[in-house]
Amino acid sequence: MSAAPVFAVVGHPNKGKSTLVATLAQDTSVRIGREPGITTIAREFPMRIDSGVLYVLVDTPGFQRPRAVLEWLQAQNPNAADRPQAVTDFVEQHGDDPRFAAECELLLPIINGAGILYVVDGAVPYAPEYDAEMEILRWSGQPSIALINPIGSRAHVDDWSRALGQYFRVVRMLDALDAPFEQRLQVLSAFGELSQHWREPMSRAVNVLRRTREQALHDSANAIAELIAEAITWQVERQLGADDDAQAHQTQLEQRYQQGLRELEGRCRQRVEACYQHEHIERKEATLEAIDEDLFSQDTWLLFGLQRKDLARAGIAGGALTGLGVDVLSGGGSMFLGAALGAAIGGVSSWFSVDALAELKVKRLPMGGRIARFGPSRNDNLPYVLLGRARAHQQLVSGRSHAQREPLELRTQGALNVLTNEQRDGLARACATLRKQVTGGTRARSATIALSDTVAAILQHEDC
């Protein structure tokens, strides 16, 4: 067994044991199914962070003949001190008996020192048939906790709490599939209270998981900020021949431009999913319409963009930054007319739709010849649409347990109304700086960092 704390997840068949293991071990390789009997042998799933193991969960088969096992144990007539040895004797004597294959599999890690996580379904009534299971576990003498997993309903949670309290020192309720992150940490903390030997390693595990979660949020913010920075400076070019009509290449250039933006967004999604160890999430176009429909759809921009009044403010902030350049160059002699003019132009030019995302321009080269260039975008709404879509995706991924195997489903999203005026202005200023620094440089890197900080604050607000 691993030196890290080990916990055997046991109980009746089909009560969410494997689901709990997948969620708390953050492991998508755990087999999960609605039909009973998916788990037939005990298997360890370590919770790994970097190269270290924080704790180990053992997924076990469900009890099949608990009453027969308990009858055998009671027939040995041991005193209380000898009951753990009686459980060990049962496993040793019946290890090759197919009638008790499930019981031997689930009891083996326990007699080897694993703590017990007994899982029940709070949606079904308590029944005396569970008494035999709990009594066997009590005979093992190992520290134990009971978890009530309400599969679709909490109708019988109170009855279960009263019954479990007679057998287990600690009883908690946890939705194994959808429990929020902080609730999972609370249950892990409770594991540490089962034994003095587990208190320190489980406290360390909780702290590591919380830091890892915070890092995932900031790494996601970096990925989203870099997406926005790359998207608003993205452009495509084509060398023109002497007799080429640039307009004849506009459609092709526009398609290349849009495909490039889609690829940038796709890479950002993959990076965010990797931040939360969800590298293989299944997606379906039909169930992810608002995220996976075309980035350039009018509906997408209506759903994730800012309202005109908010865009006007953002445009004013970005325009004022541009206008300040005029004032600086004139030594302030313009009486800050440049800032006022830039703000006015920025506010007036902020539109809600995807129309006029970018335009075709022809540039003469110093050594002769011409190039046709499509982009970069001057549409004030593009950063907010990208941010809105990325934020919606990040929320889905960060809130998803590793037991969830169905495709992502979008929750209703509106405009970015969580942004404060300060955040909108900060985004606008960062984007204005980035647009002026198409080729990168120190100012562009500083603007991207500022953008990342703003995105992190927005994501942190949603993660609370």
Protein backbone atom coordinates (compact mmCIF):
# COMPACT_ATOMS: atom_id res chain seq x y z
CA MET A 1 0.00 0.00 0.00
CA SER A 2 1.03 3.59 -0.60
CA ALA A 3 2.47 5.62 2.30
CA ALA A 4 -0.28 8.17 1.62
CA PRO A 5 -3.62 7.69 3.44
CA VAL A 6 -5.72 4.98 1.78
CA PHE A 7 -9.52 4.90 1.85
CA ALA A 8 -11.70 2.03 0.63
CA VAL A 9 -14.97 3.23 -0.88
CA VAL A 10 -17.53 0.54 -0.05
CA GLY A 11 -21.28 0.00 0.04
CA HIS A 12 -24.26 -1.51 -1.73
CA PRO A 13 -24.04 -1.91 -5.52
CA ASN A 14 -24.94 1.08 -7.68
CA LYS A 15 -24.90 3.74 -4.96
CA GLY A 16 -22.30 6.00 -6.54
CA LYS A 17 -19.06 4.51 -5.18
CA SER A 18 -17.20 4.75 -8.48
CA THR A 19 -18.63 8.21 -9.07
CA LEU A 20 -17.26 9.34 -5.73
CA VAL A 21 -13.85 7.85 -6.50
CA ALA A 22 -13.70 9.61 -9.88
CA THR A 23 -14.66 12.94 -8.31
CA LEU A 24 -12.30 12.84 -5.33
CA ALA A 25 -9.39 11.28 -7.24
CA GLN A 26 -9.99 13.64 -10.19
CA ASP A 27 -9.60 10.65 -12.48
CA THR A 28 -11.64 10.15 -15.64
CA SER A 29 -10.36 6.59 -16.07
CA VAL A 30 -12.68 5.31 -13.33
CA ARG A 31 -15.39 3.18 -14.94
CA ILE A 32 -18.88 4.50 -14.25
CA GLY A 33 -22.22 3.08 -15.35
CA ARG A 34 -25.87 2.96 -14.35
CA GLU A 35 -26.06 -0.83 -14.28
CA PRO A 36 -24.86 -2.57 -11.08
CA GLY A 37 -21.74 -4.68 -11.12
CA ILE A 38 -19.50 -2.36 -13.16
CA THR A 39 -16.79 -2.73 -10.52
CA THR A 40 -15.83 -6.37 -9.96
CA ILE A 41 -12.34 -6.06 -8.49
CA ALA A 42 -10.81 -3.53 -6.10
CA ARG A 43 -8.64 -0.95 -7.83
CA GLU A 44 -6.56 1.87 -6.40
CA PHE A 45 -6.84 5.43 -7.72
CA PRO A 46 -4.18 7.76 -6.30
CA MET A 47 -4.83 11.48 -6.16
CA ARG A 48 -1.65 12.79 -7.79
CA ILE A 49 -0.43 16.36 -7.90
CA ASP A 50 2.78 16.76 -9.87
CA SER A 51 4.90 13.78 -8.79
CA GLY A 52 3.36 13.30 -5.34
CA VAL A 53 0.42 11.22 -4.11
CA LEU A 54 -1.86 13.04 -1.67
CA TYR A 55 -4.15 10.10 -0.86
CA VAL A 56 -5.42 6.90 -2.45
CA LEU A 57 -9.03 5.86 -3.04
CA VAL A 58 -9.87 2.21 -3.59
CA ASP A 59 -12.91 1.54 -5.77
CA THR A 60 -14.51 -1.73 -4.64
CA PRO A 61 -17.35 -4.06 -5.70
CA GLY A 62 -20.66 -3.74 -3.89
CA PHE A 63 -21.73 -6.09 -1.11
CA GLN A 64 -23.49 -9.20 -2.46
CA ARG A 65 -24.01 -11.54 0.54
CA PRO A 66 -23.47 -9.42 3.65
CA ARG A 67 -25.89 -11.41 5.83
CA ALA A 68 -24.10 -14.67 5.07
CA VAL A 69 -20.76 -13.05 5.85
CA LEU A 70 -22.05 -11.64 9.13
CA GLU A 71 -23.49 -15.02 10.11
CA TRP A 72 -20.09 -16.63 9.55
CA LEU A 73 -18.38 -13.97 11.62
CA GLN A 74 -20.86 -14.27 14.49
CA ALA A 75 -20.50 -18.06 14.43
CA GLN A 76 -16.84 -17.62 15.38
CA ASN A 77 -18.09 -16.11 18.64
CA PRO A 78 -15.14 -13.73 19.06
CA ASN A 79 -15.00 -11.09 21.76
CA ALA A 80 -14.87 -7.42 20.71
CA ALA A 81 -11.07 -7.33 20.68
CA ASP A 82 -10.88 -10.33 18.32
CA ARG A 83 -13.49 -9.18 15.81
CA PRO A 84 -10.98 -7.55 13.42
CA GLN A 85 -9.07 -10.84 13.32
CA ALA A 86 -12.32 -12.68 12.52
CA VAL A 87 -12.79 -10.42 9.47
CA THR A 88 -9.23 -11.16 8.38
CA ASP A 89 -9.85 -14.90 8.84
CA PHE A 90 -12.95 -14.70 6.68
CA VAL A 91 -11.05 -13.12 3.79
CA GLU A 92 -8.19 -15.61 4.08
CA GLN A 93 -10.52 -18.61 4.16
CA HIS A 94 -12.94 -17.48 1.44
CA GLY A 95 -10.60 -15.76 -0.99
CA ASP A 96 -11.21 -18.46 -3.61
CA ASP A 97 -14.93 -18.88 -2.93
CA PRO A 98 -16.88 -17.31 -5.84
CA ARG A 99 -19.91 -16.80 -3.58
CA PHE A 100 -17.96 -14.21 -1.56
CA ALA A 101 -15.74 -12.78 -4.27
CA ALA A 102 -17.17 -9.28 -3.88
CA GLU A 103 -16.94 -9.28 -0.09
CA CYS A 104 -13.34 -10.50 -0.13
CA GLU A 105 -12.37 -7.86 -2.70
CA LEU A 106 -13.86 -4.99 -0.71
CA LEU A 107 -12.62 -6.23 2.68
CA LEU A 108 -9.03 -6.90 1.58
CA PRO A 109 -7.88 -3.25 1.48
CA ILE A 110 -9.65 -2.67 4.80
CA ILE A 111 -7.85 -5.48 6.64
CA ASN A 112 -4.65 -4.10 5.12
CA GLY A 113 -5.23 -0.78 6.87
CA ALA A 114 -7.45 1.34 4.62
CA GLY A 115 -9.98 3.70 6.14
CA ILE A 116 -13.62 3.11 5.29
CA LEU A 117 -15.88 5.37 3.20
CA TYR A 118 -19.32 3.82 3.30
CA VAL A 119 -21.58 5.23 0.58
CA VAL A 120 -25.40 5.12 0.56
CA ASP A 121 -28.04 6.67 -1.68
CA GLY A 122 -30.13 9.30 0.08
CA ALA A 123 -32.83 9.00 -2.59
CA VAL A 124 -33.87 5.48 -1.51
CA PRO A 125 -35.34 4.45 1.86
CA TYR A 126 -33.19 3.01 4.60
CA ALA A 127 -33.76 -0.74 5.03
CA PRO A 128 -32.54 -3.30 7.61
CA GLU A 129 -30.62 -5.17 4.90
CA TYR A 130 -27.93 -2.50 5.20
CA ASP A 131 -27.41 -3.33 8.88
CA ALA A 132 -25.34 -6.39 8.00
CA GLU A 133 -23.01 -4.34 5.79
CA MET A 134 -22.45 -1.71 8.45
CA GLU A 135 -21.96 -4.32 11.16
CA ILE A 136 -19.29 -6.11 9.13
CA LEU A 137 -17.47 -2.81 8.64
CA ARG A 138 -17.69 -2.08 12.33
CA TRP A 139 -16.18 -5.49 13.12
CA SER A 140 -13.16 -4.57 10.99
CA GLY A 141 -12.14 -1.98 13.58
CA GLN A 142 -10.93 0.49 10.94
CA PRO A 143 -11.71 4.25 11.14
CA SER A 144 -14.80 4.97 9.08
CA ILE A 145 -16.99 7.71 7.67
CA ALA A 146 -20.41 7.45 6.03
CA LEU A 147 -21.30 9.52 2.97
CA ILE A 148 -24.89 10.04 1.89
CA ASN A 149 -24.95 10.46 -1.88
CA PRO A 150 -28.36 11.87 -2.92
CA ILE A 151 -28.77 10.45 -6.43
CA GLY A 152 -31.46 12.73 -7.83
CA SER A 153 -33.32 13.26 -4.54
CA ARG A 154 -32.81 13.94 -0.82
CA ALA A 155 -36.08 12.35 0.21
CA HIS A 156 -34.58 9.93 2.74
CA VAL A 157 -31.49 11.76 3.91
CA ASP A 158 -32.82 12.31 7.44
CA ASP A 159 -33.63 8.63 7.98
CA TRP A 160 -30.22 7.66 6.69
CA SER A 161 -28.51 10.17 8.96
CA ARG A 162 -30.15 8.69 12.05
CA ALA A 163 -29.33 5.11 11.03
CA LEU A 164 -25.75 5.80 10.00
CA GLY A 165 -25.06 7.75 13.17
CA GLN A 166 -25.40 4.51 15.14
CA TYR A 167 -22.51 2.91 13.24
CA PHE A 168 -20.24 5.76 12.12
CA ARG A 169 -18.59 8.54 14.08
CA VAL A 170 -18.72 10.91 11.07
CA VAL A 171 -21.66 11.21 8.65
CA ARG A 172 -21.59 13.64 5.73
CA MET A 173 -23.77 14.32 2.69
CA LEU A 174 -22.03 14.76 -0.65
CA ASP A 175 -23.43 14.70 -4.16
CA ALA A 176 -20.72 12.58 -5.71
CA LEU A 177 -21.46 13.87 -9.22
CA ASP A 178 -22.11 17.58 -8.75
CA ALA A 179 -20.61 18.57 -5.40
CA PRO A 180 -18.95 22.02 -5.52
CA PHE A 181 -15.20 22.09 -5.08
CA GLU A 182 -15.25 23.54 -1.57
CA GLN A 183 -17.72 20.89 -0.41
CA ARG A 184 -15.37 18.19 -1.67
CA LEU A 185 -12.56 19.74 0.35
CA GLN A 186 -14.74 19.71 3.46
CA VAL A 187 -15.28 15.97 3.07
CA LEU A 188 -11.55 15.41 2.58
CA SER A 189 -10.91 17.37 5.77
CA ALA A 190 -13.34 15.06 7.55
CA PHE A 191 -11.26 12.08 6.39
CA GLY A 192 -8.35 13.53 8.33
CA GLU A 193 -10.37 13.44 11.54
CA LEU A 194 -10.78 9.67 11.34
CA SER A 195 -7.23 9.03 12.59
CA GLN A 196 -4.50 11.13 14.13
CA HIS A 197 -2.12 9.65 11.56
CA TRP A 198 -4.21 11.07 8.71
CA ARG A 199 -4.85 14.55 10.09
CA GLU A 200 -1.64 16.16 8.85
CA PRO A 201 -1.47 14.50 5.39
CA MET A 202 -5.15 15.23 4.69
CA SER A 203 -4.76 18.85 5.82
CA ARG A 204 -1.78 19.11 3.47
CA ALA A 205 -3.81 17.51 0.68
CA VAL A 206 -6.62 20.04 1.09
CA ASN A 207 -4.15 22.94 1.00
CA VAL A 208 -2.42 21.56 -2.09
CA LEU A 209 -5.73 21.06 -3.90
CA ARG A 210 -6.83 24.58 -3.04
CA ARG A 211 -3.56 26.06 -4.33
CA THR A 212 -3.81 23.93 -7.45
CA ARG A 213 -7.32 25.21 -8.02
CA GLU A 214 -6.17 28.82 -7.67
CA GLN A 215 -3.33 28.17 -10.09
CA ALA A 216 -5.75 26.64 -12.59
CA LEU A 217 -7.85 29.82 -12.46
CA HIS A 218 -4.86 32.08 -13.07
CA ASP A 219 -3.53 29.83 -15.84
CA SER A 220 -6.98 29.96 -17.45
CA ALA A 221 -6.95 33.75 -17.19
CA ASN A 222 -3.54 33.83 -18.90
CA ALA A 223 -4.83 31.61 -21.70
CA ILE A 224 -7.91 33.82 -22.21
CA ALA A 225 -5.87 37.03 -22.09
CA GLU A 226 -3.44 35.65 -24.67
CA LEU A 227 -6.39 34.63 -26.86
CA ILE A 228 -7.74 38.17 -26.79
CA ALA A 229 -4.31 39.70 -27.38
CA GLU A 230 -3.62 37.43 -30.34
CA ALA A 231 -7.13 37.81 -31.78
CA ILE A 232 -7.27 41.60 -31.82
CA THR A 233 -3.85 41.78 -33.53
CA TRP A 234 -4.50 38.86 -35.92
CA GLN A 235 -4.10 39.57 -39.61
CA VAL A 236 -3.50 37.66 -42.83
CA GLU A 237 -1.67 38.77 -45.95
CA ARG A 238 -1.22 37.89 -49.59
CA GLN A 239 1.43 39.08 -52.00
CA LEU A 240 -0.13 40.75 -55.02
CA GLY A 241 1.12 40.53 -58.55
CA ALA A 242 1.53 43.58 -60.71
CA ASP A 243 -1.90 43.18 -62.28
CA ASP A 244 -3.71 41.60 -59.27
CA ASP A 245 -6.96 43.15 -58.14
CA ALA A 246 -6.90 43.05 -54.33
CA GLN A 247 -10.69 42.85 -54.18
CA ALA A 248 -10.59 39.55 -56.02
CA HIS A 249 -8.78 38.01 -53.04
CA GLN A 250 -10.95 39.54 -50.32
CA THR A 251 -13.19 36.51 -49.79
CA GLN A 252 -10.27 34.12 -49.48
CA LEU A 253 -8.42 36.44 -47.11
CA GLU A 254 -11.51 36.93 -44.98
CA GLN A 255 -12.00 33.16 -44.74
CA ARG A 256 -8.37 32.70 -43.69
CA TYR A 257 -8.76 35.48 -41.17
CA GLN A 258 -11.88 33.95 -39.62
CA GLN A 259 -10.41 30.45 -39.60
CA GLY A 260 -7.38 31.80 -37.77
CA LEU A 261 -9.60 33.31 -35.07
CA ARG A 262 -11.46 30.02 -34.70
CA GLU A 263 -8.17 28.16 -34.27
CA LEU A 264 -6.98 30.65 -31.65
CA GLU A 265 -10.20 30.15 -29.71
CA GLY A 266 -9.96 26.37 -30.04
CA ARG A 267 -6.42 26.32 -28.65
CA CYS A 268 -7.53 28.50 -25.75
CA ARG A 269 -10.29 26.03 -24.91
CA GLN A 270 -7.84 23.15 -24.89
CA ARG A 271 -5.51 25.06 -22.59
CA VAL A 272 -8.32 25.86 -20.16
CA GLU A 273 -9.49 22.25 -20.11
CA ALA A 274 -5.93 21.10 -19.41
CA CYS A 275 -5.72 23.54 -16.48
CA TYR A 276 -8.49 21.56 -14.78
CA GLN A 277 -7.22 18.13 -15.92
CA HIS A 278 -10.11 17.72 -18.38
CA GLU A 279 -8.11 17.00 -21.52
CA HIS A 280 -10.68 14.70 -23.14
CA ILE A 281 -14.05 16.37 -22.65
CA GLU A 282 -16.59 15.30 -25.24
CA ARG A 283 -18.34 18.13 -27.02
CA LYS A 284 -21.43 18.05 -29.19
CA GLU A 285 -22.43 20.91 -31.43
CA ALA A 286 -26.11 20.43 -30.66
CA THR A 287 -25.65 20.78 -26.90
CA LEU A 288 -23.08 23.54 -27.05
CA GLU A 289 -24.83 25.84 -29.50
CA ALA A 290 -23.94 29.09 -27.79
CA ILE A 291 -20.28 28.19 -27.47
CA ASP A 292 -19.60 26.00 -30.48
CA GLU A 293 -21.75 27.78 -33.03
CA ASP A 294 -19.83 29.99 -35.39
CA LEU A 295 -17.86 32.71 -33.63
CA PHE A 296 -19.09 35.09 -36.30
CA SER A 297 -22.79 34.37 -35.81
CA GLN A 298 -24.93 37.36 -34.93
CA ASP A 299 -26.54 35.30 -32.15
CA THR A 300 -23.14 34.68 -30.59
CA TRP A 301 -22.43 38.38 -30.48
CA LEU A 302 -25.85 39.13 -29.05
CA LEU A 303 -25.33 36.55 -26.31
CA PHE A 304 -21.76 37.30 -25.31
CA GLY A 305 -21.14 40.88 -26.35
CA LEU A 306 -21.67 44.04 -24.40
CA GLN A 307 -24.70 46.26 -24.81
CA ARG A 308 -24.26 49.42 -26.85
CA LYS A 309 -24.20 51.65 -23.78
CA ASP A 310 -21.44 49.53 -22.24
CA LEU A 311 -19.53 49.43 -25.51
CA ALA A 312 -19.77 53.19 -25.74
CA ARG A 313 -18.10 53.48 -22.36
CA ALA A 314 -15.43 50.95 -23.35
CA GLY A 315 -14.91 52.76 -26.63
CA ILE A 316 -14.54 56.05 -24.81
CA ALA A 317 -11.91 54.52 -22.48
CA GLY A 318 -9.94 53.04 -25.38
CA GLY A 319 -10.36 56.13 -27.53
CA ALA A 320 -9.17 58.37 -24.73
CA LEU A 321 -5.99 56.32 -24.43
CA THR A 322 -5.36 56.73 -28.16
CA GLY A 323 -6.08 60.42 -28.00
CA LEU A 324 -3.68 60.92 -25.13
CA GLY A 325 -0.90 60.12 -27.59
CA VAL A 326 -1.71 63.33 -29.42
CA ASP A 327 -1.51 65.32 -26.19
CA VAL A 328 1.81 63.78 -25.21
CA LEU A 329 3.35 64.49 -28.61
CA SER A 330 2.23 68.10 -28.40
CA GLY A 331 3.61 68.50 -24.90
CA GLY A 332 0.13 69.08 -23.53
CA GLY A 333 -0.31 72.13 -25.73
CA SER A 334 -3.51 70.73 -27.15
CA MET A 335 -5.13 71.18 -23.71
CA PHE A 336 -6.00 67.44 -23.80
CA LEU A 337 -8.12 67.97 -26.89
CA GLY A 338 -6.64 64.73 -28.25
CA ALA A 339 -8.03 62.69 -25.35
CA ALA A 340 -11.45 64.25 -25.71
CA LEU A 341 -11.49 63.72 -29.49
CA GLY A 342 -10.28 60.13 -29.11
CA ALA A 343 -12.97 59.42 -26.52
CA ALA A 344 -15.67 60.81 -28.76
CA ILE A 345 -14.51 58.81 -31.77
CA GLY A 346 -14.16 55.67 -29.67
CA GLY A 347 -17.64 55.99 -28.23
CA VAL A 348 -19.30 56.69 -31.55
CA SER A 349 -17.52 53.83 -33.35
CA SER A 350 -18.46 51.11 -30.86
CA TRP A 351 -21.00 48.77 -32.46
CA PHE A 352 -22.69 45.68 -31.18
CA SER A 353 -22.70 43.48 -34.26
CA VAL A 354 -20.10 41.36 -35.98
CA ASP A 355 -20.36 43.58 -39.07
CA ALA A 356 -17.15 45.27 -40.15
CA LEU A 357 -15.05 42.98 -37.96
CA ALA A 358 -12.02 43.75 -40.11
CA GLU A 359 -11.32 45.17 -43.54
CA LEU A 360 -9.09 44.67 -46.54
CA LYS A 361 -6.19 47.02 -47.06
CA VAL A 362 -3.49 47.21 -49.73
CA LYS A 363 0.03 48.25 -48.75
CA ARG A 364 2.94 49.10 -51.01
CA LEU A 365 6.23 47.52 -50.03
CA PRO A 366 9.42 49.63 -49.71
CA MET A 367 11.27 47.49 -52.25
CA GLY A 368 8.36 47.44 -54.67
CA GLY A 369 5.27 45.31 -54.98
CA ARG A 370 2.09 45.23 -52.95
CA ILE A 371 0.44 43.07 -50.30
CA ALA A 372 -3.25 42.68 -49.52
CA ARG A 373 -3.88 42.54 -45.78
CA PHE A 374 -7.06 41.55 -43.94
CA GLY A 375 -7.13 42.62 -40.31
CA PRO A 376 -6.41 43.34 -37.60
CA SER A 377 -9.89 43.96 -36.20
CA ARG A 378 -10.90 47.39 -35.03
CA ASN A 379 -14.26 46.21 -33.72
CA ASP A 380 -14.54 47.23 -30.07
CA ASN A 381 -16.84 44.31 -29.28
CA LEU A 382 -14.52 41.49 -30.39
CA PRO A 383 -12.54 41.29 -27.10
CA TYR A 384 -15.77 41.15 -25.09
CA VAL A 385 -17.33 38.47 -27.28
CA LEU A 386 -14.18 36.36 -26.96
CA LEU A 387 -14.07 36.98 -23.22
CA GLY A 388 -17.74 36.13 -22.79
CA ARG A 389 -17.43 32.86 -24.67
CA ALA A 390 -14.19 31.94 -22.89
CA ARG A 391 -15.66 32.77 -19.50
CA ALA A 392 -18.71 30.59 -20.19
CA HIS A 393 -16.46 27.71 -21.23
CA GLN A 394 -14.17 28.13 -18.21
CA GLN A 395 -17.16 28.10 -15.84
CA LEU A 396 -18.36 24.83 -17.33
CA VAL A 397 -14.97 23.21 -17.12
CA SER A 398 -14.04 24.41 -13.63
CA GLY A 399 -17.40 23.28 -12.23
CA ARG A 400 -17.27 19.87 -13.83
CA SER A 401 -16.34 16.86 -11.70
CA HIS A 402 -14.24 14.07 -13.19
CA ALA A 403 -17.19 11.73 -12.73
CA GLN A 404 -19.26 13.62 -15.30
CA ARG A 405 -19.00 11.92 -18.65
CA GLU A 406 -21.81 13.53 -20.64
CA PRO A 407 -20.99 16.30 -23.15
CA LEU A 408 -20.75 19.84 -21.86
CA GLU A 409 -24.08 21.61 -21.60
CA LEU A 410 -24.23 25.37 -21.61
CA ARG A 411 -25.95 27.17 -18.79
CA THR A 412 -27.80 30.35 -19.74
CA GLN A 413 -25.35 33.18 -20.27
CA GLY A 414 -26.05 36.85 -20.77
CA ALA A 415 -23.88 39.83 -21.55
CA LEU A 416 -20.81 40.40 -19.42
CA ASN A 417 -22.83 42.18 -16.75
CA VAL A 418 -20.41 40.98 -14.06
CA LEU A 419 -17.86 43.49 -15.29
CA THR A 420 -17.48 46.63 -13.26
CA ASN A 421 -16.89 49.92 -15.01
CA GLU A 422 -13.28 49.73 -13.85
CA GLN A 423 -12.86 46.28 -15.43
CA ARG A 424 -14.44 47.42 -18.72
CA ASP A 425 -12.17 50.44 -18.82
CA GLY A 426 -9.13 48.31 -17.99
CA LEU A 427 -9.95 45.87 -20.77
CA ALA A 428 -10.48 48.69 -23.20
CA ARG A 429 -7.17 50.35 -22.34
CA ALA A 430 -5.25 47.07 -22.55
CA CYS A 431 -6.80 46.29 -25.92
CA ALA A 432 -6.08 49.78 -27.22
CA THR A 433 -2.43 49.34 -26.26
CA LEU A 434 -2.27 45.93 -27.88
CA ARG A 435 -3.79 47.23 -31.12
CA LYS A 436 -1.02 49.81 -31.32
CA GLN A 437 1.64 47.12 -30.70
CA VAL A 438 0.81 44.61 -33.43
CA THR A 439 4.36 43.30 -33.53
CA GLY A 440 4.61 42.84 -29.75
CA GLY A 441 7.16 44.48 -27.48
CA THR A 442 7.36 45.51 -23.84
CA ARG A 443 4.18 47.56 -23.88
CA ALA A 444 2.24 44.73 -25.49
CA ARG A 445 3.47 42.25 -22.87
CA SER A 446 2.53 44.67 -20.09
CA ALA A 447 -0.91 45.11 -21.62
CA THR A 448 -1.39 41.34 -21.84
CA ILE A 449 -0.40 40.95 -18.18
CA ALA A 450 -2.87 43.67 -17.20
CA LEU A 451 -5.51 41.95 -19.31
CA SER A 452 -4.77 38.65 -17.55
CA ASP A 453 -5.15 40.25 -14.13
CA THR A 454 -8.54 41.67 -15.11
CA VAL A 455 -9.70 38.34 -16.53
CA ALA A 456 -8.54 36.55 -13.35
CA ALA A 457 -10.59 38.95 -11.23
CA ILE A 458 -13.67 38.23 -13.39
CA LEU A 459 -13.16 34.46 -13.18
CA GLN A 460 -12.53 34.66 -9.44
CA HIS A 461 -15.85 36.43 -9.02
CA GLU A 462 -17.62 33.61 -10.85
CA ASP A 463 -15.70 30.89 -8.96
CA CYS A 464 -16.77 32.11 -5.53
